[in-house]
Protein backbone atom coordinates (compact mmCIF):
# COMPACT_ATOMS: atom_id res chain seq x y z
CA MET A 1 80.21 119.42 99.97
CA THR A 2 82.11 121.43 97.57
CA GLY A 3 83.01 124.29 99.75
CA LEU A 4 84.60 122.10 102.40
CA PRO A 5 88.56 121.63 102.59
CA PRO A 6 89.93 118.54 100.24
CA ARG A 7 90.71 116.55 103.53
CA LEU A 8 87.44 116.86 105.21
CA ARG A 9 85.85 115.91 101.85
CA ARG A 10 88.08 112.76 101.77
CA TRP A 11 87.28 111.86 105.20
CA LEU A 12 83.44 112.14 104.68
CA ALA A 13 83.67 110.31 101.50
CA ALA A 14 85.40 107.61 103.82
CA LEU A 15 83.04 107.21 106.02
CA ALA A 16 80.35 107.06 103.57
CA LEU A 17 82.07 104.10 101.61
CA LEU A 18 82.45 102.31 105.00
CA ALA A 19 78.72 103.07 105.34
CA ALA A 20 78.16 101.36 102.35
CA LEU A 21 80.26 98.41 102.61
CA PRO A 22 78.60 95.09 101.69
CA SER A 23 78.04 93.25 104.87
CA HIS A 24 80.27 90.46 104.21
CA ALA A 25 83.24 92.78 104.02
CA ALA A 26 82.20 94.06 107.55
CA ASP A 27 82.14 90.82 109.10
CA VAL A 28 85.60 90.21 107.69
CA GLU A 29 87.76 89.09 110.38
CA LEU A 30 91.36 90.16 110.11
CA PRO A 31 94.58 88.51 111.05
CA PRO A 32 96.61 90.33 113.75
CA VAL A 33 98.35 93.22 111.68
CA ASP A 34 101.76 92.11 112.81
CA GLU A 35 101.19 88.60 111.12
CA VAL A 36 100.17 90.33 107.69
CA PHE A 37 102.80 93.17 107.60
CA VAL A 38 106.06 91.59 109.07
CA LEU A 39 108.56 94.45 109.88
CA SER A 40 112.01 94.10 110.46
CA ALA A 41 114.86 96.71 110.21
CA GLN A 42 118.71 96.52 109.74
CA ALA A 43 121.14 98.55 109.20
CA THR A 44 123.38 97.41 106.43
CA ALA A 45 126.01 99.86 106.60
CA ARG A 46 126.33 102.87 109.55
CA ASN A 47 124.58 105.25 106.92
CA ARG A 48 121.86 102.84 105.56
CA ILE A 49 119.09 101.25 107.31
CA GLU A 50 116.68 99.06 105.42
CA ALA A 51 112.94 98.65 106.59
CA ARG A 52 111.57 95.81 105.26
CA TRP A 53 108.09 94.46 105.33
CA LYS A 54 107.15 90.55 104.41
CA ILE A 55 103.23 91.22 103.11
CA ALA A 56 101.04 88.05 103.56
CA ASP A 57 99.21 86.85 100.12
CA GLY A 58 95.81 88.92 99.56
CA TYR A 59 97.12 92.14 101.28
CA TYR A 60 98.70 95.38 100.17
CA LEU A 61 100.56 98.34 101.86
CA TYR A 62 100.12 101.70 100.36
CA ARG A 63 103.06 103.88 99.63
CA HIS A 64 101.58 107.33 100.58
CA ARG A 65 100.74 106.22 103.73
CA THR A 66 104.23 104.92 104.56
CA SER A 67 107.15 106.78 106.23
CA VAL A 68 110.11 106.69 108.58
CA LYS A 69 111.62 108.93 111.80
CA VAL A 70 115.14 108.18 112.71
CA GLY A 71 116.07 109.52 116.24
CA ALA A 72 118.37 112.17 116.57
CA ALA A 73 121.62 110.12 116.47
CA PHE A 74 121.12 109.80 112.91
CA ALA A 75 120.80 113.46 111.01
CA GLU A 76 119.62 114.22 107.69
CA PRO A 77 117.40 111.09 107.05
CA ARG A 78 116.13 110.58 103.66
CA LEU A 79 113.74 107.23 103.04
CA ALA A 80 113.86 106.02 99.56
CA LEU A 81 110.86 103.67 98.53
CA PRO A 82 110.64 101.74 95.09
CA ASP A 83 107.95 102.51 92.63
CA GLY A 84 104.55 100.66 93.63
CA HIS A 85 101.94 99.04 91.94
CA LYS A 86 99.95 101.74 90.45
CA HIS A 87 96.09 101.87 90.83
CA ARG A 88 92.89 103.65 91.43
CA ASP A 89 91.84 103.24 94.70
CA GLU A 90 88.03 103.96 95.89
CA LEU A 91 88.90 105.93 98.78
CA PHE A 92 92.56 107.81 98.13
CA GLY A 93 92.27 107.87 94.42
CA ASP A 94 95.64 107.41 92.31
CA VAL A 95 98.10 105.29 94.48
CA GLU A 96 100.75 102.65 94.54
CA THR A 97 100.68 99.80 96.62
CA TYR A 98 103.34 97.34 97.39
CA ARG A 99 102.33 93.22 97.73
CA THR A 100 104.74 90.31 98.65
CA GLN A 101 107.62 92.61 100.11
CA LEU A 102 108.75 96.06 100.35
CA VAL A 103 112.06 97.46 101.54
CA GLY A 104 112.67 100.77 102.07
CA VAL A 105 116.13 102.56 102.51
CA VAL A 106 116.96 105.09 105.13
CA THR A 107 120.06 107.02 104.65
CA GLY A 108 121.80 109.69 106.65
CA VAL A 109 124.52 110.77 108.62
CA PRO A 110 125.14 108.77 111.89
CA ALA A 111 126.63 110.83 115.29
CA ALA A 112 130.10 109.43 115.44
CA THR A 113 129.60 107.97 118.77
CA ALA A 114 126.16 106.13 117.90
CA THR A 115 125.71 102.61 118.35
CA GLY A 116 122.40 102.66 117.69
CA VAL A 117 119.44 104.41 116.29
CA ALA A 118 115.26 104.45 117.10
CA LEU A 119 113.45 103.98 113.84
CA THR A 120 109.58 105.02 114.16
CA VAL A 121 107.56 103.59 111.16
CA LYS A 122 104.45 104.35 110.02
CA TYR A 123 102.31 102.43 107.70
CA GLN A 124 98.88 101.14 106.55
CA GLY A 125 97.96 98.12 104.55
CA CYS A 126 94.49 96.49 103.28
CA ALA A 127 93.14 93.08 102.55
CA ASP A 128 91.87 92.42 99.08
CA ALA A 129 88.64 91.60 100.90
CA GLY A 130 87.99 95.27 101.11
CA VAL A 131 88.78 95.90 104.56
CA CYS A 132 91.87 98.12 105.81
CA TYR A 133 93.88 97.96 109.19
CA PRO A 134 94.11 101.37 111.14
CA PRO A 135 97.23 103.15 110.57
CA GLN A 136 100.04 101.58 112.38
CA THR A 137 103.28 103.22 114.15
CA ARG A 138 105.91 100.64 115.21
CA THR A 139 109.29 101.67 117.10
CA LEU A 140 112.35 99.32 116.30
CA SER A 141 115.70 99.55 117.59
CA VAL A 142 118.66 99.39 115.04
CA ALA A 143 121.87 98.71 115.89
CA LEU A 144 124.55 100.66 113.89
CA PRO A 145 127.76 98.70 112.92
CA GLN A 146 131.16 100.29 113.80
């Protein structure tokens, strides 16, 4: 496997981990993802949007699997995430995770006539039981204050 590209090696390692999961982890029935990771967004100023996740007990989000894209009415967007809890993940290696809540701040330059923007949010999280949700994508409409 050493001659394979790193991304393919990680994918194969993930498959091997899934195959090696104890039967009880494979049988865990997860609640709906939108009940575990409750996402909302609000513009706190014309040039600042907060994306918030309320994270249920026993679950966590990955920092490196969290991203935001903003519609064309919001130029030069930048996402700022707080430092997460550092730990060694069997699948991804050294990572940062969030529990309880996450607030990401998107700053940028809104168009002069923009009254709102579309915020496309991608994220992935897991349960402490050892089972992960697939990557998620949500699009939220965010009104901009005048």
